[in-house]
Amino acid sequence: MTGLPVPRDRMGVLLAAYQYELGSCFRCPRKGTQVTRIGEITSDEGETPLYACRECVQELLVMHERAMERISPHPRIVQIPRASRGVEAT
């Protein structure tokens, strides 16, 4: 058990679903902070993973929500990543 409060709001649940590790955010100057892999840049030379901190992940999720509201008025099903059994999201 981590001792952290369990999020009850939708955004808190989404943020808690990611697996975090220490690293640098590609979007802001934060270094040595908790980041999660959110994608990659792929080219003929290879792939570069992109990591973002919790604050930037939250901003990206809000941007996505707003874009989806403009595109479709219909409700959506949102899938969140699941932690492996026996592994807690931190």
Protein backbone atom coordinates (compact mmCIF):
# COMPACT_ATOMS: atom_id res chain seq x y z
CA MET A 1 0.00 0.00 0.00
CA THR A 2 1.35 3.44 -0.95
CA GLY A 3 -0.47 5.57 1.63
CA LEU A 4 -1.67 7.90 -1.14
CA PRO A 5 -5.37 8.79 -1.26
CA VAL A 6 -7.41 6.89 -3.84
CA PRO A 7 -8.63 9.31 -6.51
CA ARG A 8 -12.41 9.52 -6.90
CA ASP A 9 -12.74 12.08 -9.69
CA ARG A 10 -12.46 11.01 -13.34
CA MET A 11 -9.23 12.92 -14.03
CA GLY A 12 -7.59 11.56 -10.88
CA VAL A 13 -8.50 8.02 -11.87
CA LEU A 14 -7.06 8.52 -15.36
CA LEU A 15 -3.81 9.99 -14.01
CA ALA A 16 -3.43 7.22 -11.43
CA ALA A 17 -3.83 4.54 -14.11
CA TYR A 18 -0.47 5.31 -15.70
CA GLN A 19 2.76 3.67 -14.53
CA TYR A 20 5.29 6.32 -13.52
CA GLU A 21 9.07 6.31 -13.21
CA LEU A 22 11.66 9.00 -12.57
CA GLY A 23 12.76 10.89 -15.66
CA SER A 24 12.43 14.06 -17.70
CA CYS A 25 9.28 15.49 -19.27
CA PHE A 26 9.53 16.17 -23.02
CA ARG A 27 6.97 18.96 -22.75
CA CYS A 28 8.22 21.09 -19.86
CA PRO A 29 11.57 21.65 -18.13
CA ARG A 30 10.90 19.20 -15.26
CA LYS A 31 13.73 16.74 -14.71
CA GLY A 32 14.03 13.99 -12.10
CA THR A 33 10.26 13.88 -11.68
CA GLN A 34 7.65 11.17 -12.10
CA VAL A 35 6.94 10.65 -15.81
CA THR A 36 5.03 8.14 -17.89
CA ARG A 37 5.51 7.09 -21.49
CA ILE A 38 2.81 8.68 -23.63
CA GLY A 39 4.00 7.85 -27.12
CA GLU A 40 6.95 7.99 -29.43
CA ILE A 41 8.44 9.72 -32.43
CA THR A 42 9.20 7.23 -35.18
CA SER A 43 11.44 7.74 -38.20
CA ASP A 44 13.49 5.59 -40.57
CA GLU A 45 16.36 5.83 -38.08
CA GLY A 46 14.36 4.43 -35.17
CA GLU A 47 12.01 5.32 -32.36
CA THR A 48 12.36 7.90 -29.58
CA PRO A 49 10.03 7.42 -26.59
CA LEU A 50 8.17 10.45 -25.24
CA TYR A 51 7.68 10.79 -21.48
CA ALA A 52 5.49 13.39 -19.76
CA CYS A 53 5.07 14.41 -16.12
CA ARG A 54 1.72 14.17 -14.32
CA GLU A 55 0.94 17.86 -14.86
CA CYS A 56 1.58 17.66 -18.60
CA VAL A 57 -0.35 14.38 -18.90
CA GLN A 58 -3.29 16.13 -17.23
CA GLU A 59 -3.03 19.07 -19.65
CA LEU A 60 -2.89 16.67 -22.62
CA LEU A 61 -5.94 14.74 -21.34
CA VAL A 62 -7.90 18.00 -20.95
CA MET A 63 -6.89 19.07 -24.48
CA HIS A 64 -8.05 15.69 -25.78
CA GLU A 65 -11.38 15.93 -23.92
CA ARG A 66 -12.06 19.39 -25.36
CA ALA A 67 -11.19 18.27 -28.88
CA MET A 68 -13.50 15.25 -28.59
CA GLU A 69 -16.36 17.45 -27.31
CA ARG A 70 -16.04 19.62 -30.42
CA ILE A 71 -15.91 16.63 -32.78
CA SER A 72 -18.69 14.44 -31.40
CA PRO A 73 -21.54 15.16 -29.02
CA HIS A 74 -21.97 11.40 -28.42
CA PRO A 75 -20.66 9.77 -25.23
CA ARG A 76 -17.36 7.91 -25.57
CA ILE A 77 -15.89 4.89 -23.88
CA VAL A 78 -12.47 5.76 -22.48
CA GLN A 79 -10.00 2.95 -21.96
CA ILE A 80 -7.33 3.48 -19.35
CA PRO A 81 -4.14 1.45 -19.14
CA ARG A 82 -4.30 -1.33 -16.60
CA ALA A 83 -1.44 -2.14 -14.24
CA SER A 84 -0.25 -5.74 -14.26
CA ARG A 85 -1.77 -7.91 -11.56
CA GLY A 86 0.03 -7.44 -8.28
CA VAL A 87 1.51 -4.08 -9.39
CA GLU A 88 0.11 -0.85 -7.98
CA ALA A 89 0.18 2.43 -9.90
CA THR A 90 2.24 4.98 -8.01
